């Protein structure tokens, strides 16, 4: 009978450990999914691209979407975007 209690206790402890590991694995999976979710505006890729673009243009409010909008709608572009576009065109002109 002592062996049954011993194995029963080990099985119960093992099940508890599996449940705890499963809980933390699910929590980590949800955090990872949110970090790479393309609909999330704060995902890893969007944040990285916007940080690099902001550093290159010295504009903390720079976003890739805003820059694309300025390229597509030059009449509505901000003065800073127009200055950037002009400096880029001068740099690429032979």
Protein backbone atom coordinates (compact mmCIF):
# COMPACT_ATOMS: atom_id res chain seq x y z
CA UNK A 1 0.00 0.00 0.00
CA UNK A 2 2.92 2.36 0.68
CA UNK A 3 4.11 1.90 -2.90
CA UNK A 4 0.72 2.96 -4.24
CA UNK A 5 0.78 6.11 -2.07
CA UNK A 6 4.35 6.85 -3.18
CA UNK A 7 3.54 6.46 -6.89
CA UNK A 8 0.26 8.34 -6.48
CA UNK A 9 2.11 11.22 -4.86
CA UNK A 10 4.72 11.23 -7.64
CA UNK A 11 2.03 11.21 -10.30
CA UNK A 12 0.19 14.08 -8.60
CA UNK A 13 3.43 16.11 -8.32
CA UNK A 14 4.26 15.38 -11.96
CA UNK A 15 0.81 16.51 -13.06
CA UNK A 16 1.19 19.70 -11.02
CA UNK A 17 4.54 20.44 -12.64
CA UNK A 18 3.07 19.85 -16.11
CA UNK A 19 0.20 22.24 -15.35
CA UNK A 20 2.55 24.98 -14.12
CA UNK A 21 4.82 24.60 -17.16
CA UNK A 22 1.78 24.66 -19.45
CA UNK A 23 0.50 27.85 -17.81
CA UNK A 24 3.80 29.69 -18.31
CA UNK A 25 4.23 28.32 -21.85
CA UNK A 26 0.78 29.63 -22.81
CA UNK A 27 1.55 33.01 -21.26
CA UNK A 28 4.82 33.24 -23.23
CA UNK A 29 3.09 32.16 -26.45
CA UNK A 30 0.47 34.90 -26.12
CA UNK A 31 3.15 37.54 -25.52
CA UNK A 32 5.12 36.32 -28.53
CA UNK A 33 2.02 36.27 -30.72
CA UNK A 34 1.24 39.89 -29.81
CA UNK A 35 4.81 40.94 -30.53
CA UNK A 36 4.66 39.68 -34.12
CA UNK A 37 0.97 40.30 -34.84
CA UNK A 38 0.82 42.45 -38.01
CA UNK A 39 -2.40 44.16 -36.84
CA UNK A 40 -0.76 45.31 -33.59
CA UNK A 41 0.71 48.80 -34.09
CA UNK A 42 3.30 48.13 -31.39
CA UNK A 43 4.64 44.92 -32.91
CA UNK A 44 8.37 44.28 -33.12
CA UNK A 45 8.70 45.03 -36.84
CA UNK A 46 6.69 48.26 -36.85
CA UNK A 47 8.49 49.59 -33.79
CA UNK A 48 11.90 48.73 -35.25
CA UNK A 49 11.23 50.29 -38.66
CA UNK A 50 9.78 53.44 -37.11
CA UNK A 51 12.71 53.77 -34.70
CA UNK A 52 15.28 53.44 -37.48
CA UNK A 53 13.37 55.85 -39.74
CA UNK A 54 13.03 58.34 -36.90
CA UNK A 55 16.76 58.13 -36.18
CA UNK A 56 17.68 58.61 -39.84
CA UNK A 57 15.37 61.61 -40.32
CA UNK A 58 15.81 63.13 -36.84
CA UNK A 59 12.00 63.05 -36.53
CA UNK A 60 10.67 61.19 -33.47
CA UNK A 61 7.19 61.10 -35.00
CA UNK A 62 8.33 59.45 -38.26
CA UNK A 63 6.42 56.36 -39.35
CA UNK A 64 6.73 54.24 -42.46
CA UNK A 65 3.01 54.59 -43.14
CA UNK A 66 3.24 58.36 -42.87
CA UNK A 67 6.23 58.44 -45.18
CA UNK A 68 4.45 56.30 -47.78
CA UNK A 69 1.43 58.61 -47.56
CA UNK A 70 3.68 61.62 -48.13
CA UNK A 71 5.24 59.95 -51.18
CA UNK A 72 1.84 59.08 -52.65
CA UNK A 73 0.24 62.45 -51.80
CA UNK A 74 2.97 65.05 -52.39
CA UNK A 75 0.48 67.94 -52.27
CA UNK A 76 -0.47 67.02 -48.70
CA UNK A 77 3.08 66.27 -47.55
CA UNK A 78 4.55 68.10 -44.61
CA UNK A 79 7.37 70.56 -45.14
CA UNK A 80 9.81 68.23 -43.40
CA UNK A 81 8.86 65.36 -45.71
CA UNK A 82 9.25 67.57 -48.76
CA UNK A 83 12.69 68.72 -47.57
CA UNK A 84 13.69 65.10 -47.05
CA UNK A 85 12.44 64.09 -50.50
CA UNK A 86 14.34 67.00 -52.07
CA UNK A 87 17.58 66.09 -50.28
CA UNK A 88 17.17 62.44 -51.32
CA UNK A 89 16.62 63.36 -54.95
CA UNK A 90 19.73 65.59 -54.92
CA UNK A 91 21.77 62.78 -53.41
CA UNK A 92 20.69 60.31 -56.11
CA UNK A 93 21.02 62.73 -59.04
CA UNK A 94 24.33 62.10 -60.91
